[in-house]
Structures are given as structure tokens and as C-alpha cells.
Amino acid sequence: MKIIGFIGIDDRVEMVLKGDSCLLNNRKPFFLPPQCKKMHVNPCIVLRISRLGKHIAPKFAHRYYDGFAPGADFTDAELLQEARKTGGAWTQAIAFDYSLAVGEMSSEEPAVAGLLVAPEEAIARASQVMTLRQGDLIYIQYQGEGRLVQQEDVIEAEGLYCKIK
């Protein structure tokens, strides 16, 4: 299973990959990594890919997913800021264990206004680079800055509950 994300970095949309260890299932707590001093969370939607596809045109992309879930994408803001200053790799700031909380999947399409890219565009862009397989997840952040999280914060959305420990 691949986890492909579309996130906002420095006023542009970047496609990123996360390993399956980044997945935090619903109702499990998110533990702040000990080295992290400043953690941000960004709301997102998560699409579940339902069939094999490569080089998918945006007009056919709706055929390639069958579920939506609310999500919360965690970012180590301090590491990301340091990477921006030095021009270094920012992957370690976004792709750490349990950095993507995913709620319950539903077949009902959520409001997609305010997403960085439309779901169809995300599927088309990802499928140009790699083959999408059944069970892969694509998450798309909403526009705007993430908010700072601290211990004991609770993140809730319809079908998503995550407590910060």
C-alpha cells in the first residue's frame, strides 16, 4: 500500500510519499515525538483507490476511488522551517510514524471546496508517476496553515477522533 499526499509547501503543491507506518487509525492516540518542539496539524481528505490504474486522465479519475475519510496530517514545523532555511530535505518533517490520522471511510463525497488540488487532479498527477493499486491512499490537504497542537489536544471531524498525548 502506498500513501500519496498533496501538501502545501512554500506556496506550491508538492506530491509526497509516506510509508504505511505513517498511518494512524481512528481512535488511537497520536504521541508527540520526543524531539518535536512544534507540531502542526493540517486537515485533509483521504481517498481510497479501488482499482489498478496508470496514466489516468482527470475526466476518468472518479472511477478509481470508492471511499473518502477525514484526515489529519501532522508536520514537525520546526524541522520543516529548518529545511526551508537550509534548502535541505523536508521529508523527515512530514513522513514519520503515525503522521497521518485517518477516520472512517465512507462512500459519501465530502465537501471538497478549499482543497489544494481536486481529487481528480490528484489521481491524475499521481498516476503519471506511479501505478495506483487497490487499497492505496491519496490524501489532499486543505488550503491554509496548519494549527499548532499540544499534549491533550483533541482533533475531531465527522468520523475522525484523535487525542494528542
N, C-alpha and C. Protein backbone atom coordinates (compact mmCIF):
# COMPACT_ATOMS: atom_id res chain seq x y z
N MET A 1 0.85 -1.18 0.00
CA MET A 1 0.00 0.00 0.00
C MET A 1 0.89 1.24 0.00
N LYS A 2 0.51 2.19 -0.84
CA LYS A 2 1.20 3.47 -0.89
C LYS A 2 0.30 4.52 -0.26
N ILE A 3 0.93 5.51 0.36
CA ILE A 3 0.21 6.69 0.85
C ILE A 3 0.82 7.88 0.13
N ILE A 4 0.02 8.50 -0.72
CA ILE A 4 0.48 9.61 -1.55
C ILE A 4 -0.23 10.86 -1.07
N GLY A 5 0.54 11.91 -0.82
CA GLY A 5 -0.06 13.13 -0.30
C GLY A 5 0.17 14.32 -1.20
N PHE A 6 -0.75 15.25 -1.12
CA PHE A 6 -0.62 16.54 -1.78
C PHE A 6 -0.69 17.59 -0.70
N ILE A 7 0.47 18.22 -0.47
CA ILE A 7 0.59 19.16 0.64
C ILE A 7 1.09 20.50 0.13
N GLY A 8 0.84 21.54 0.92
CA GLY A 8 1.31 22.88 0.58
C GLY A 8 2.66 23.14 1.24
N ILE A 9 3.66 23.44 0.40
CA ILE A 9 4.99 23.81 0.89
C ILE A 9 5.40 25.08 0.16
N ASP A 10 5.62 26.14 0.92
CA ASP A 10 6.09 27.41 0.34
C ASP A 10 5.26 27.85 -0.87
N ASP A 11 3.98 27.95 -0.72
CA ASP A 11 3.06 28.45 -1.76
C ASP A 11 3.03 27.60 -3.03
N ARG A 12 3.38 26.33 -2.92
CA ARG A 12 3.23 25.42 -4.05
C ARG A 12 2.71 24.09 -3.51
N VAL A 13 2.16 23.30 -4.38
CA VAL A 13 1.63 22.00 -4.01
C VAL A 13 2.67 20.94 -4.37
N GLU A 14 3.04 20.15 -3.37
CA GLU A 14 4.03 19.09 -3.56
C GLU A 14 3.35 17.73 -3.40
N MET A 15 3.77 16.79 -4.21
CA MET A 15 3.32 15.41 -4.04
C MET A 15 4.38 14.70 -3.21
N VAL A 16 3.93 14.03 -2.14
CA VAL A 16 4.85 13.34 -1.24
C VAL A 16 4.40 11.90 -1.04
N LEU A 17 5.33 11.07 -0.63
CA LEU A 17 5.03 9.67 -0.31
C LEU A 17 5.28 9.45 1.18
N LYS A 18 4.41 8.65 1.77
CA LYS A 18 4.59 8.23 3.15
C LYS A 18 4.53 6.71 3.16
N GLY A 19 5.29 6.12 4.08
CA GLY A 19 5.24 4.68 4.26
C GLY A 19 3.99 4.28 5.01
N ASP A 20 3.66 3.00 5.00
CA ASP A 20 2.45 2.56 5.69
C ASP A 20 2.55 2.70 7.20
N SER A 21 3.76 2.85 7.75
CA SER A 21 3.90 3.09 9.19
C SER A 21 3.45 4.49 9.59
N CYS A 22 3.20 5.34 8.62
CA CYS A 22 2.72 6.70 8.91
C CYS A 22 1.23 6.72 9.23
N LEU A 23 0.54 5.64 8.97
CA LEU A 23 -0.91 5.59 9.13
C LEU A 23 -1.31 5.41 10.60
N LEU A 24 -2.15 6.29 11.08
CA LEU A 24 -2.71 6.22 12.43
C LEU A 24 -4.20 6.01 12.27
N ASN A 25 -4.68 4.85 12.67
CA ASN A 25 -6.09 4.54 12.52
C ASN A 25 -6.93 5.27 13.53
N ASN A 26 -8.19 5.40 13.22
CA ASN A 26 -9.15 6.14 14.03
C ASN A 26 -9.18 5.61 15.47
N ARG A 27 -9.33 6.50 16.38
CA ARG A 27 -9.47 6.23 17.82
C ARG A 27 -8.16 5.87 18.53
N LYS A 28 -7.04 5.92 17.85
CA LYS A 28 -5.77 5.69 18.51
C LYS A 28 -5.12 7.04 18.80
N PRO A 29 -4.42 7.15 19.93
CA PRO A 29 -3.81 8.45 20.25
C PRO A 29 -2.57 8.72 19.40
N PHE A 30 -2.31 9.99 19.19
CA PHE A 30 -1.09 10.43 18.49
C PHE A 30 -0.11 10.89 19.57
N PHE A 31 1.04 10.26 19.60
CA PHE A 31 2.07 10.61 20.58
C PHE A 31 3.05 11.58 19.94
N LEU A 32 3.23 12.73 20.58
CA LEU A 32 4.21 13.70 20.08
C LEU A 32 5.60 13.08 20.16
N PRO A 33 6.35 13.10 19.06
CA PRO A 33 7.72 12.57 19.11
C PRO A 33 8.55 13.37 20.11
N PRO A 34 9.43 12.71 20.85
CA PRO A 34 10.18 13.41 21.91
C PRO A 34 11.02 14.57 21.40
N GLN A 35 11.56 14.46 20.19
CA GLN A 35 12.42 15.52 19.67
C GLN A 35 11.63 16.71 19.13
N CYS A 36 10.33 16.57 18.99
CA CYS A 36 9.50 17.60 18.38
C CYS A 36 9.11 18.66 19.40
N LYS A 37 9.36 19.91 19.04
CA LYS A 37 9.00 21.02 19.92
C LYS A 37 7.79 21.79 19.40
N LYS A 38 7.51 21.65 18.11
CA LYS A 38 6.43 22.42 17.49
C LYS A 38 5.76 21.56 16.42
N MET A 39 4.59 21.02 16.74
CA MET A 39 3.87 20.12 15.83
C MET A 39 2.63 20.84 15.30
N HIS A 40 2.47 20.81 13.99
CA HIS A 40 1.28 21.36 13.34
C HIS A 40 0.42 20.22 12.82
N VAL A 41 -0.88 20.47 12.73
CA VAL A 41 -1.78 19.51 12.11
C VAL A 41 -2.55 20.24 11.01
N ASN A 42 -2.70 19.58 9.88
CA ASN A 42 -3.45 20.11 8.75
C ASN A 42 -4.60 19.18 8.43
N PRO A 43 -5.81 19.72 8.29
CA PRO A 43 -6.93 18.87 7.88
C PRO A 43 -6.77 18.44 6.43
N CYS A 44 -7.28 17.26 6.12
CA CYS A 44 -7.19 16.76 4.76
C CYS A 44 -8.33 15.77 4.51
N ILE A 45 -8.52 15.43 3.25
CA ILE A 45 -9.40 14.31 2.95
C ILE A 45 -8.54 13.19 2.40
N VAL A 46 -8.99 11.97 2.63
CA VAL A 46 -8.25 10.79 2.20
C VAL A 46 -9.15 10.01 1.24
N LEU A 47 -8.59 9.65 0.09
CA LEU A 47 -9.30 8.86 -0.91
C LEU A 47 -8.73 7.45 -0.91
N ARG A 48 -9.59 6.45 -1.03
CA ARG A 48 -9.14 5.07 -1.12
C ARG A 48 -9.25 4.63 -2.59
N ILE A 49 -8.13 4.22 -3.15
CA ILE A 49 -8.10 3.77 -4.54
C ILE A 49 -8.74 2.39 -4.62
N SER A 50 -9.60 2.20 -5.64
CA SER A 50 -10.38 0.97 -5.75
C SER A 50 -9.98 0.06 -6.91
N ARG A 51 -9.10 0.55 -7.80
CA ARG A 51 -8.70 -0.31 -8.92
C ARG A 51 -7.35 0.12 -9.47
N LEU A 52 -6.74 -0.76 -10.20
CA LEU A 52 -5.43 -0.55 -10.79
C LEU A 52 -5.51 0.52 -11.88
N GLY A 53 -4.53 1.44 -11.89
CA GLY A 53 -4.55 2.45 -12.93
C GLY A 53 -3.21 3.13 -13.10
N LYS A 54 -2.91 3.51 -14.34
CA LYS A 54 -1.68 4.22 -14.69
C LYS A 54 -2.05 5.23 -15.77
N HIS A 55 -1.49 6.42 -15.72
CA HIS A 55 -1.76 7.49 -16.67
C HIS A 55 -3.26 7.76 -16.82
N ILE A 56 -3.90 8.01 -15.71
CA ILE A 56 -5.35 8.22 -15.67
C ILE A 56 -5.66 9.67 -16.03
N ALA A 57 -6.56 9.87 -16.96
CA ALA A 57 -6.99 11.22 -17.32
C ALA A 57 -7.93 11.74 -16.23
N PRO A 58 -7.86 13.05 -15.92
CA PRO A 58 -8.72 13.60 -14.87
C PRO A 58 -10.21 13.30 -15.06
N LYS A 59 -10.67 13.25 -16.31
CA LYS A 59 -12.10 13.02 -16.53
C LYS A 59 -12.54 11.60 -16.17
N PHE A 60 -11.57 10.67 -16.07
CA PHE A 60 -11.89 9.29 -15.69
C PHE A 60 -11.51 8.97 -14.25
N ALA A 61 -10.90 9.91 -13.56
CA ALA A 61 -10.35 9.65 -12.22
C ALA A 61 -11.42 9.24 -11.21
N HIS A 62 -12.65 9.71 -11.38
CA HIS A 62 -13.71 9.37 -10.42
C HIS A 62 -14.00 7.87 -10.39
N ARG A 63 -13.58 7.15 -11.41
CA ARG A 63 -13.79 5.70 -11.47
C ARG A 63 -12.77 4.93 -10.62
N TYR A 64 -11.76 5.62 -10.12
CA TYR A 64 -10.63 4.94 -9.47
C TYR A 64 -10.62 5.06 -7.95
N TYR A 65 -11.64 5.65 -7.36
CA TYR A 65 -11.71 5.68 -5.90
C TYR A 65 -13.13 5.37 -5.46
N ASP A 66 -13.21 4.75 -4.26
CA ASP A 66 -14.54 4.34 -3.79
C ASP A 66 -14.82 4.77 -2.35
N GLY A 67 -13.91 5.48 -1.73
CA GLY A 67 -14.16 5.88 -0.36
C GLY A 67 -13.43 7.15 0.01
N PHE A 68 -14.03 7.87 0.94
CA PHE A 68 -13.47 9.10 1.47
C PHE A 68 -13.38 8.98 2.98
N ALA A 69 -12.43 9.67 3.56
CA ALA A 69 -12.35 9.75 5.02
C ALA A 69 -11.75 11.10 5.39
N PRO A 70 -12.15 11.63 6.53
CA PRO A 70 -11.46 12.83 7.01
C PRO A 70 -10.07 12.42 7.50
N GLY A 71 -9.14 13.33 7.43
CA GLY A 71 -7.79 13.03 7.89
C GLY A 71 -7.15 14.21 8.59
N ALA A 72 -6.10 13.92 9.32
CA ALA A 72 -5.30 14.94 9.99
C ALA A 72 -3.84 14.60 9.70
N ASP A 73 -3.16 15.53 9.03
CA ASP A 73 -1.77 15.33 8.63
C ASP A 73 -0.87 16.12 9.58
N PHE A 74 0.01 15.40 10.28
CA PHE A 74 0.89 16.03 11.26
C PHE A 74 2.23 16.37 10.63
N THR A 75 2.77 17.54 10.99
CA THR A 75 4.04 18.02 10.47
C THR A 75 4.88 18.58 11.60
N ASP A 76 6.15 18.19 11.64
CA ASP A 76 7.08 18.79 12.60
C ASP A 76 7.48 20.14 12.03
N ALA A 77 6.84 21.19 12.52
CA ALA A 77 7.01 22.54 11.96
C ALA A 77 8.43 23.05 12.12
N GLU A 78 9.09 22.70 13.20
CA GLU A 78 10.46 23.16 13.43
C GLU A 78 11.42 22.55 12.40
N LEU A 79 11.31 21.25 12.15
CA LEU A 79 12.15 20.60 11.15
C LEU A 79 11.86 21.14 9.75
N LEU A 80 10.59 21.39 9.46
CA LEU A 80 10.22 21.92 8.15
C LEU A 80 10.81 23.31 7.95
N GLN A 81 10.73 24.15 8.97
CA GLN A 81 11.28 25.51 8.88
C GLN A 81 12.80 25.46 8.70
N GLU A 82 13.46 24.58 9.41
CA GLU A 82 14.91 24.42 9.27
C GLU A 82 15.28 23.97 7.86
N ALA A 83 14.52 23.04 7.30
CA ALA A 83 14.77 22.57 5.94
C ALA A 83 14.57 23.68 4.93
N ARG A 84 13.58 24.53 5.15
CA ARG A 84 13.35 25.66 4.25
C ARG A 84 14.53 26.62 4.26
N LYS A 85 15.07 26.89 5.43
CA LYS A 85 16.20 27.82 5.55
C LYS A 85 17.46 27.28 4.89
N THR A 86 17.74 26.00 5.11
CA THR A 86 18.99 25.41 4.63
C THR A 86 18.86 24.81 3.24
N GLY A 87 17.64 24.69 2.74
CA GLY A 87 17.44 24.05 1.44
C GLY A 87 17.56 22.54 1.53
N GLY A 88 17.47 22.02 2.75
CA GLY A 88 17.61 20.58 2.97
C GLY A 88 16.32 19.83 2.70
N ALA A 89 16.39 18.54 2.93
CA ALA A 89 15.23 17.67 2.72
C ALA A 89 14.20 17.88 3.83
N TRP A 90 12.94 18.01 3.47
CA TRP A 90 11.87 18.23 4.44
C TRP A 90 11.06 16.97 4.67
N THR A 91 11.47 15.87 4.05
CA THR A 91 10.72 14.62 4.18
C THR A 91 10.61 14.17 5.63
N GLN A 92 11.69 14.29 6.41
CA GLN A 92 11.65 13.82 7.80
C GLN A 92 10.68 14.64 8.64
N ALA A 93 10.31 15.82 8.18
CA ALA A 93 9.35 16.65 8.92
C ALA A 93 7.92 16.20 8.69
N ILE A 94 7.67 15.43 7.64
CA ILE A 94 6.29 15.04 7.32
C ILE A 94 6.04 13.54 7.29
N ALA A 95 7.08 12.73 7.12
CA ALA A 95 6.87 11.29 6.90
C ALA A 95 7.42 10.47 8.06
N PHE A 96 6.93 10.72 9.26
CA PHE A 96 7.34 9.94 10.42
C PHE A 96 6.19 9.04 10.84
N ASP A 97 6.47 8.08 11.71
CA ASP A 97 5.45 7.12 12.13
C ASP A 97 4.21 7.82 12.68
N TYR A 98 3.06 7.35 12.25
CA TYR A 98 1.75 7.82 12.71
C TYR A 98 1.49 9.30 12.40
N SER A 99 2.04 9.79 11.33
CA SER A 99 1.88 11.21 10.99
C SER A 99 0.62 11.51 10.18
N LEU A 100 -0.19 10.49 9.87
CA LEU A 100 -1.44 10.71 9.15
C LEU A 100 -2.57 9.95 9.86
N ALA A 101 -3.43 10.69 10.53
CA ALA A 101 -4.60 10.08 11.18
C ALA A 101 -5.73 10.02 10.17
N VAL A 102 -6.34 8.85 10.04
CA VAL A 102 -7.42 8.66 9.07
C VAL A 102 -8.66 8.18 9.79
N GLY A 103 -9.78 8.81 9.50
CA GLY A 103 -11.06 8.43 10.11
C GLY A 103 -11.73 7.30 9.36
N GLU A 104 -13.01 7.16 9.62
CA GLU A 104 -13.80 6.09 8.99
C GLU A 104 -14.08 6.40 7.53
N MET A 105 -13.89 5.40 6.68
CA MET A 105 -14.17 5.55 5.25
C MET A 105 -15.68 5.56 5.01
N SER A 106 -16.07 6.37 4.05
CA SER A 106 -17.47 6.49 3.67
C SER A 106 -17.54 6.61 2.16
N SER A 107 -18.65 6.21 1.58
CA SER A 107 -18.83 6.37 0.14
C SER A 107 -19.42 7.73 -0.20
N GLU A 108 -19.85 8.47 0.82
CA GLU A 108 -20.42 9.80 0.59
C GLU A 108 -19.31 10.81 0.36
N GLU A 109 -19.41 11.53 -0.75
CA GLU A 109 -18.38 12.51 -1.09
C GLU A 109 -18.49 13.73 -0.18
N PRO A 110 -17.38 14.09 0.49
CA PRO A 110 -17.40 15.26 1.36
C PRO A 110 -17.27 16.55 0.56
N ALA A 111 -17.39 17.67 1.23
CA ALA A 111 -17.16 18.96 0.59
C ALA A 111 -15.68 19.05 0.21
N VAL A 112 -15.41 19.34 -1.03
CA VAL A 112 -14.03 19.41 -1.49
C VAL A 112 -13.58 20.84 -1.75
N ALA A 113 -14.43 21.81 -1.45
CA ALA A 113 -14.04 23.21 -1.61
C ALA A 113 -12.89 23.52 -0.65
N GLY A 114 -11.88 24.19 -1.16
CA GLY A 114 -10.75 24.57 -0.33
C GLY A 114 -9.60 23.60 -0.33
N LEU A 115 -9.71 22.50 -1.08
CA LEU A 115 -8.59 21.57 -1.18
C LEU A 115 -7.48 22.18 -2.03
N LEU A 116 -6.24 21.78 -1.77
CA LEU A 116 -5.12 22.28 -2.56
C LEU A 116 -5.25 21.89 -4.03
N VAL A 117 -5.71 20.66 -4.29
CA VAL A 117 -6.00 20.19 -5.65
C VAL A 117 -7.28 19.37 -5.59
N ALA A 118 -7.97 19.31 -6.70
CA ALA A 118 -9.19 18.50 -6.78
C ALA A 118 -8.81 17.02 -6.75
N PRO A 119 -9.68 16.16 -6.21
CA PRO A 119 -9.37 14.72 -6.17
C PRO A 119 -9.00 14.15 -7.55
N GLU A 120 -9.71 14.57 -8.59
CA GLU A 120 -9.43 14.06 -9.94
C GLU A 120 -8.03 14.46 -10.40
N GLU A 121 -7.64 15.68 -10.09
CA GLU A 121 -6.30 16.14 -10.47
C GLU A 121 -5.23 15.38 -9.68
N ALA A 122 -5.48 15.14 -8.40
CA ALA A 122 -4.51 14.41 -7.58
C ALA A 122 -4.30 12.99 -8.12
N ILE A 123 -5.38 12.32 -8.47
CA ILE A 123 -5.27 10.97 -9.01
C ILE A 123 -4.53 10.99 -10.35
N ALA A 124 -4.86 11.94 -11.20
CA ALA A 124 -4.18 12.04 -12.50
C ALA A 124 -2.69 12.30 -12.32
N ARG A 125 -2.33 13.23 -11.44
CA ARG A 125 -0.91 13.56 -11.22
C ARG A 125 -0.16 12.37 -10.64
N ALA A 126 -0.73 11.72 -9.64
CA ALA A 126 -0.05 10.57 -9.02
C ALA A 126 0.12 9.43 -10.02
N SER A 127 -0.89 9.19 -10.86
CA SER A 127 -0.84 8.07 -11.79
C SER A 127 0.12 8.30 -12.95
N GLN A 128 0.57 9.52 -13.15
CA GLN A 128 1.58 9.80 -14.18
C GLN A 128 2.96 9.31 -13.73
N VAL A 129 3.15 9.24 -12.40
CA VAL A 129 4.45 8.89 -11.83
C VAL A 129 4.53 7.43 -11.41
N MET A 130 3.41 6.90 -10.91
CA MET A 130 3.42 5.52 -10.40
C MET A 130 2.07 4.87 -10.65
N THR A 131 2.07 3.56 -10.67
CA THR A 131 0.83 2.80 -10.83
C THR A 131 0.05 2.85 -9.53
N LEU A 132 -1.21 3.19 -9.61
CA LEU A 132 -2.09 3.17 -8.45
C LEU A 132 -2.71 1.79 -8.35
N ARG A 133 -2.74 1.27 -7.12
CA ARG A 133 -3.28 -0.07 -6.89
C ARG A 133 -4.42 0.00 -5.88
N GLN A 134 -5.27 -1.01 -5.92
CA GLN A 134 -6.38 -1.09 -4.98
C GLN A 134 -5.83 -1.05 -3.55
N GLY A 135 -6.42 -0.18 -2.73
CA GLY A 135 -6.00 -0.04 -1.34
C GLY A 135 -5.05 1.10 -1.09
N ASP A 136 -4.43 1.66 -2.13
CA ASP A 136 -3.57 2.83 -1.94
C ASP A 136 -4.43 3.99 -1.42
N LEU A 137 -3.79 4.89 -0.70
CA LEU A 137 -4.49 6.06 -0.17
C LEU A 137 -3.86 7.32 -0.76
N ILE A 138 -4.71 8.27 -1.09
CA ILE A 138 -4.25 9.59 -1.51
C ILE A 138 -4.89 10.58 -0.55
N TYR A 139 -4.05 11.42 0.06
CA TYR A 139 -4.60 12.46 0.93
C TYR A 139 -4.27 13.83 0.36
N ILE A 140 -5.21 14.74 0.53
CA ILE A 140 -5.09 16.09 -0.01
C ILE A 140 -5.39 17.07 1.11
N GLN A 141 -4.44 17.93 1.40
CA GLN A 141 -4.64 18.93 2.45
C GLN A 141 -5.57 20.03 1.96
N TYR A 142 -6.22 20.66 2.93
CA TYR A 142 -6.99 21.86 2.66
C TYR A 142 -6.03 23.05 2.66
N GLN A 143 -6.42 24.12 1.97
CA GLN A 143 -5.60 25.32 1.92
C GLN A 143 -5.52 25.96 3.30
N GLY A 144 -4.42 26.65 3.54
CA GLY A 144 -4.25 27.36 4.80
C GLY A 144 -3.19 26.72 5.66
N GLU A 145 -2.78 27.46 6.64
CA GLU A 145 -1.78 26.99 7.59
C GLU A 145 -2.38 25.97 8.54
N GLY A 146 -1.56 25.04 8.94
CA GLY A 146 -1.99 24.10 9.97
C GLY A 146 -2.02 24.81 11.31
N ARG A 147 -2.65 24.16 12.27
CA ARG A 147 -2.66 24.77 13.60
C ARG A 147 -1.72 24.00 14.51
N LEU A 148 -1.19 24.69 15.48
CA LEU A 148 -0.27 24.12 16.44
C LEU A 148 -1.04 23.17 17.36
N VAL A 149 -0.46 22.01 17.65
CA VAL A 149 -1.08 21.07 18.59
C VAL A 149 -0.16 20.87 19.78
N GLN A 150 -0.78 20.56 20.90
CA GLN A 150 -0.04 20.30 22.13
C GLN A 150 -0.64 19.08 22.80
N GLN A 151 0.04 18.59 23.82
CA GLN A 151 -0.48 17.44 24.54
C GLN A 151 -1.88 17.71 25.05
N GLU A 152 -2.69 16.66 25.04
CA GLU A 152 -4.08 16.66 25.50
C GLU A 152 -5.05 17.34 24.53
N ASP A 153 -4.57 17.87 23.40
CA ASP A 153 -5.50 18.39 22.39
C ASP A 153 -6.28 17.23 21.79
N VAL A 154 -7.49 17.52 21.34
CA VAL A 154 -8.33 16.53 20.69
C VAL A 154 -8.70 17.07 19.31
N ILE A 155 -8.54 16.23 18.30
CA ILE A 155 -8.91 16.60 16.94
C ILE A 155 -10.11 15.76 16.57
N GLU A 156 -11.19 16.44 16.19
CA GLU A 156 -12.41 15.73 15.81
C GLU A 156 -12.94 16.26 14.49
N ALA A 157 -13.41 15.35 13.70
CA ALA A 157 -14.16 15.66 12.49
C ALA A 157 -15.17 14.53 12.37
N GLU A 158 -16.12 14.69 11.50
CA GLU A 158 -17.11 13.61 11.36
C GLU A 158 -16.39 12.33 10.95
N GLY A 159 -16.41 11.33 11.82
CA GLY A 159 -15.75 10.07 11.54
C GLY A 159 -14.28 10.02 11.94
N LEU A 160 -13.76 11.09 12.58
CA LEU A 160 -12.36 11.11 13.00
C LEU A 160 -12.27 11.63 14.42
N TYR A 161 -11.52 10.92 15.25
CA TYR A 161 -11.25 11.35 16.61
C TYR A 161 -9.81 10.99 16.92
N CYS A 162 -9.03 11.97 17.34
CA CYS A 162 -7.62 11.73 17.64
C CYS A 162 -7.23 12.59 18.83
N LYS A 163 -6.68 11.97 19.86
CA LYS A 163 -6.20 12.69 21.04
C LYS A 163 -4.67 12.73 21.01
N ILE A 164 -4.12 13.91 21.29
CA ILE A 164 -2.68 14.12 21.29
C ILE A 164 -2.14 13.78 22.69
N LYS A 165 -1.19 12.91 22.75
CA LYS A 165 -0.58 12.51 24.04
C LYS A 165 0.84 13.00 24.10
